[in-house]
């Protein structure tokens, strides 16, 4: 018999930060003392099926943790047990609260890589988050040309040494974060242009999508305590900034 998730899990005071900030919860699968089976026990049949399709145990654990953590945190927000949180998926596969629940719940997004799982929440507007494990790329410029617009490719080309790979991943995570927030998937990356330089200001240069205004969005690097992995967050609406809460 599975025990399920501890209650409350994680601690409920994280939501205090959400009153005036975008909140990103940072969890490490290796440090979470909950079995993968117990994480799976609070997921829907569809979510369990998606996890089961992953080949490696570590991939299944990361995916299960991201989904279970989302359900637990959303449940705390809208006062429902994790199993009762009404989730759906967009046509592109993005998990969202059902329309009936969206009015009382936050926008949220999930990303994970290796021993990092991120769940972002915002009460102000749509939000997207991305984290990547850097991998050396022999054909870095060719890869950049398939996903980046000309100005971004040129910025990567102009970088030298280790900065070239760092610039590539800053651009990738920033573009992926806003693509996830918009729910457009990788096919929409050519409609987004970001700055790949290392800075804390808004990195979004342009957004060419009908009904969307670049001025409504903020895209920036997301520093993750204790990890060198590049990450980024994209969010719209108000708020005084972004806070990362380690679990």
Protein backbone atom coordinates (compact mmCIF):
# COMPACT_ATOMS: atom_id res chain seq x y z
CA UNK A 1 0.00 0.00 0.00
CA UNK A 2 1.34 3.43 -0.94
CA UNK A 3 1.43 6.11 1.72
CA UNK A 4 1.01 8.95 -0.75
CA UNK A 5 2.36 12.41 0.00
CA UNK A 6 2.95 13.79 3.48
CA UNK A 7 0.52 16.54 4.47
CA UNK A 8 1.30 19.32 4.11
CA UNK A 9 3.99 18.82 1.48
CA UNK A 10 5.86 20.94 0.96
CA UNK A 11 5.47 23.41 3.82
CA UNK A 12 2.62 25.80 3.19
CA UNK A 13 4.43 29.07 3.96
CA UNK A 14 5.90 29.15 0.43
CA UNK A 15 2.66 30.74 -0.77
CA UNK A 16 3.31 33.84 1.36
CA UNK A 17 5.85 34.88 -1.26
CA UNK A 18 3.22 34.66 -4.02
CA UNK A 19 1.26 37.68 -2.80
CA UNK A 20 3.49 40.08 -4.73
CA UNK A 21 6.09 37.92 -6.53
CA UNK A 22 6.40 35.16 -9.07
CA UNK A 23 7.48 32.06 -7.12
CA UNK A 24 9.69 29.24 -8.37
CA UNK A 25 9.91 26.10 -6.22
CA UNK A 26 13.23 24.26 -6.58
CA UNK A 27 13.31 20.56 -5.66
CA UNK A 28 16.00 17.91 -6.08
CA UNK A 29 14.75 14.38 -6.83
CA UNK A 30 17.71 12.85 -4.99
CA UNK A 31 16.88 14.78 -1.80
CA UNK A 32 13.11 14.27 -1.71
CA UNK A 33 12.37 11.51 0.79
CA UNK A 34 9.26 10.23 -1.00
CA UNK A 35 9.27 7.10 -3.17
CA UNK A 36 8.49 7.32 -6.86
CA UNK A 37 5.50 5.01 -6.30
CA UNK A 38 4.10 7.41 -3.70
CA UNK A 39 4.58 10.34 -6.06
CA UNK A 40 2.76 8.41 -8.79
CA UNK A 41 -0.12 7.61 -6.44
CA UNK A 42 -1.45 11.20 -6.57
CA UNK A 43 -1.26 11.51 -10.36
CA UNK A 44 -4.06 10.98 -12.86
CA UNK A 45 -4.09 7.88 -15.06
CA UNK A 46 -2.92 9.99 -18.01
CA UNK A 47 -0.04 11.44 -15.99
CA UNK A 48 0.97 7.99 -14.78
CA UNK A 49 0.93 6.74 -18.37
CA UNK A 50 3.17 9.61 -19.49
CA UNK A 51 5.65 8.80 -16.73
CA UNK A 52 5.58 5.06 -17.51
CA UNK A 53 6.57 5.73 -21.12
CA UNK A 54 9.93 7.13 -20.00
CA UNK A 55 12.69 4.56 -20.26
CA UNK A 56 15.13 5.53 -17.49
CA UNK A 57 14.14 5.32 -13.80
CA UNK A 58 15.69 8.72 -13.12
CA UNK A 59 13.59 10.27 -15.90
CA UNK A 60 10.46 8.69 -14.47
CA UNK A 61 11.27 10.01 -11.00
CA UNK A 62 11.87 13.56 -12.25
CA UNK A 63 8.64 13.57 -14.22
CA UNK A 64 6.64 12.09 -11.33
CA UNK A 65 8.11 14.62 -8.90
CA UNK A 66 7.29 17.56 -11.17
CA UNK A 67 3.67 16.46 -11.58
CA UNK A 68 3.16 15.51 -7.92
CA UNK A 69 4.74 18.74 -6.70
CA UNK A 70 2.50 20.74 -9.04
CA UNK A 71 -0.60 18.97 -7.77
CA UNK A 72 0.41 19.40 -4.12
CA UNK A 73 1.19 23.11 -4.46
CA UNK A 74 -1.88 23.85 -6.56
CA UNK A 75 -3.98 21.95 -4.04
CA UNK A 76 -2.63 24.13 -1.24
CA UNK A 77 -3.47 27.23 -3.30
CA UNK A 78 -7.08 26.28 -4.12
CA UNK A 79 -7.69 24.13 -1.01
CA UNK A 80 -8.04 20.71 -2.62
CA UNK A 81 -6.19 17.42 -2.10
CA UNK A 82 -3.56 16.77 -4.79
CA UNK A 83 -5.60 14.00 -6.43
CA UNK A 84 -8.59 16.35 -6.82
CA UNK A 85 -6.78 19.24 -8.52
CA UNK A 86 -8.57 19.64 -11.89
CA UNK A 87 -5.84 19.63 -14.54
CA UNK A 88 -6.10 19.48 -18.30
CA UNK A 89 -3.67 19.75 -21.21
CA UNK A 90 -3.64 22.13 -24.11
CA UNK A 91 -3.40 20.86 -27.67
CA UNK A 92 0.37 21.36 -27.42
CA UNK A 93 0.49 19.23 -24.24
CA UNK A 94 0.93 22.03 -21.69
CA UNK A 95 -0.65 21.18 -18.30
CA UNK A 96 -3.11 23.83 -17.10
CA UNK A 97 -5.88 24.19 -14.57
CA UNK A 98 -9.29 23.55 -16.11
CA UNK A 99 -11.18 26.75 -17.02
CA UNK A 100 -13.54 26.29 -14.05
CA UNK A 101 -10.63 26.25 -11.60
CA UNK A 102 -8.42 28.79 -13.34
CA UNK A 103 -10.30 31.74 -11.87
CA UNK A 104 -9.20 30.82 -8.33
CA UNK A 105 -5.83 29.27 -9.11
CA UNK A 106 -2.51 30.54 -10.42
CA UNK A 107 -0.75 30.17 -13.72
CA UNK A 108 2.00 27.58 -13.41
CA UNK A 109 4.69 25.79 -15.37
CA UNK A 110 7.15 22.92 -14.80
CA UNK A 111 10.67 22.13 -16.00
CA UNK A 112 13.25 19.55 -14.97
CA UNK A 113 16.74 18.39 -15.88
CA UNK A 114 18.98 15.89 -14.09
CA UNK A 115 18.69 16.56 -10.32
CA UNK A 116 16.65 19.76 -10.68
CA UNK A 117 12.86 20.14 -10.78
CA UNK A 118 11.30 23.61 -11.04
CA UNK A 119 7.65 24.57 -10.62
CA UNK A 120 6.81 28.23 -11.27
CA UNK A 121 3.64 29.98 -10.04
CA UNK A 122 2.24 33.40 -10.78
CA UNK A 123 -1.01 35.06 -9.75
CA UNK A 124 -0.36 37.93 -12.18
CA UNK A 125 -0.32 36.22 -15.58
CA UNK A 126 1.13 33.43 -17.66
CA UNK A 127 4.50 32.03 -16.67
CA UNK A 128 7.07 29.69 -18.20
CA UNK A 129 10.27 28.21 -16.82
CA UNK A 130 13.12 26.19 -18.31
CA UNK A 131 16.27 24.53 -16.97
CA UNK A 132 18.84 22.65 -19.00
CA UNK A 133 21.90 20.53 -18.30
CA UNK A 134 24.65 22.04 -20.50
CA UNK A 135 26.07 19.65 -23.05
CA UNK A 136 29.12 20.36 -25.25
CA UNK A 137 27.98 20.81 -28.84
CA UNK A 138 30.45 20.25 -31.70
CA UNK A 139 27.94 21.69 -34.17
CA UNK A 140 26.75 24.48 -31.88
CA UNK A 141 26.22 27.06 -34.63
CA UNK A 142 24.29 24.58 -36.76
CA UNK A 143 22.01 23.77 -33.82
CA UNK A 144 21.58 27.49 -33.12
CA UNK A 145 20.59 28.10 -36.74
CA UNK A 146 17.71 25.63 -36.46
CA UNK A 147 16.14 27.27 -33.39
CA UNK A 148 17.35 30.88 -33.24
CA UNK A 149 16.61 33.93 -35.36
CA UNK A 150 19.44 35.64 -37.25
CA UNK A 151 20.27 38.20 -34.54
CA UNK A 152 20.56 35.45 -31.93
CA UNK A 153 22.73 33.24 -34.14
CA UNK A 154 25.03 36.18 -34.75
CA UNK A 155 25.33 36.82 -31.02
CA UNK A 156 26.36 33.19 -30.45
CA UNK A 157 28.79 33.36 -33.38
CA UNK A 158 30.43 36.49 -31.97
CA UNK A 159 31.07 34.89 -28.57
CA UNK A 160 34.37 33.11 -27.98
CA UNK A 161 35.63 30.26 -25.84
CA UNK A 162 33.39 29.05 -23.04
CA UNK A 163 31.19 32.12 -23.41
CA UNK A 164 29.88 30.79 -26.73
CA UNK A 165 28.27 27.75 -25.12
CA UNK A 166 27.04 29.86 -22.19
CA UNK A 167 25.45 32.35 -24.61
CA UNK A 168 23.78 29.50 -26.49
CA UNK A 169 22.18 28.10 -23.33
CA UNK A 170 21.11 31.51 -22.05
CA UNK A 171 19.29 32.06 -25.33
CA UNK A 172 17.86 28.55 -25.40
CA UNK A 173 16.44 28.66 -21.88
CA UNK A 174 15.07 32.18 -22.31
CA UNK A 175 13.33 31.34 -25.58
CA UNK A 176 12.06 28.03 -24.25
CA UNK A 177 10.68 29.71 -21.10
CA UNK A 178 8.56 32.22 -23.01
CA UNK A 179 7.52 29.62 -25.59
CA UNK A 180 6.23 27.46 -22.72
CA UNK A 181 4.46 30.43 -21.14
CA UNK A 182 2.77 31.19 -24.46
CA UNK A 183 2.00 27.51 -25.01
CA UNK A 184 3.36 27.51 -28.55
CA UNK A 185 6.03 24.82 -28.34
CA UNK A 186 9.34 24.73 -30.17
CA UNK A 187 7.72 25.46 -33.53
CA UNK A 188 7.20 29.04 -32.38
CA UNK A 189 10.79 29.86 -31.46
CA UNK A 190 11.30 31.81 -34.69
CA UNK A 191 8.72 34.36 -33.48
CA UNK A 192 10.75 35.14 -30.36
CA UNK A 193 14.01 37.10 -30.21
CA UNK A 194 16.00 37.34 -26.99
CA UNK A 195 19.29 38.86 -25.90
CA UNK A 196 21.91 36.25 -25.00
CA UNK A 197 24.09 38.51 -22.86
CA UNK A 198 24.49 37.85 -19.14
CA UNK A 199 22.45 40.48 -17.30
CA UNK A 200 19.47 40.80 -14.96
CA UNK A 201 17.26 43.06 -17.09
CA UNK A 202 14.50 41.92 -19.43
CA UNK A 203 16.12 39.84 -22.19
CA UNK A 204 13.14 39.83 -24.56
CA UNK A 205 13.91 41.84 -27.70
CA UNK A 206 10.84 41.14 -29.79
CA UNK A 207 7.75 38.96 -29.99
CA UNK A 208 5.95 38.65 -33.33
CA UNK A 209 2.71 36.90 -32.48
CA UNK A 210 -0.79 38.11 -33.18
CA UNK A 211 -2.44 39.34 -29.98
CA UNK A 212 0.82 39.43 -28.00
CA UNK A 213 2.82 42.49 -26.93
CA UNK A 214 6.49 42.15 -26.01
CA UNK A 215 6.08 45.01 -23.51
CA UNK A 216 3.77 42.83 -21.41
CA UNK A 217 6.48 40.22 -20.81
CA UNK A 218 9.67 39.88 -18.81
CA UNK A 219 12.25 37.21 -19.66
CA UNK A 220 15.33 36.78 -17.51
CA UNK A 221 17.91 34.33 -16.27
CA UNK A 222 16.84 32.41 -13.17
CA UNK A 223 19.73 31.85 -10.70
CA UNK A 224 19.38 28.48 -8.97
CA UNK A 225 21.07 28.18 -5.56
CA UNK A 226 23.59 25.36 -5.46
CA UNK A 227 23.44 24.42 -9.15
CA UNK A 228 25.35 25.65 -12.21
CA UNK A 229 22.54 24.69 -14.59
CA UNK A 230 21.32 27.54 -16.81
CA UNK A 231 17.66 28.38 -16.26
CA UNK A 232 15.27 31.14 -17.26
CA UNK A 233 11.81 32.40 -16.46
CA UNK A 234 9.26 34.31 -18.52
CA UNK A 235 6.25 36.00 -16.98
CA UNK A 236 3.62 38.57 -17.78
CA UNK A 237 1.68 40.98 -15.60
CA UNK A 238 2.68 42.69 -12.37
CA UNK A 239 4.57 41.59 -9.33
CA UNK A 240 7.68 42.91 -7.68
CA UNK A 241 10.00 40.23 -9.03
CA UNK A 242 10.88 36.57 -8.85
CA UNK A 243 11.80 34.49 -5.80
CA UNK A 244 13.26 30.96 -5.78
CA UNK A 245 12.22 28.78 -2.82
CA UNK A 246 14.33 25.66 -2.26
CA UNK A 247 12.42 22.69 -0.87
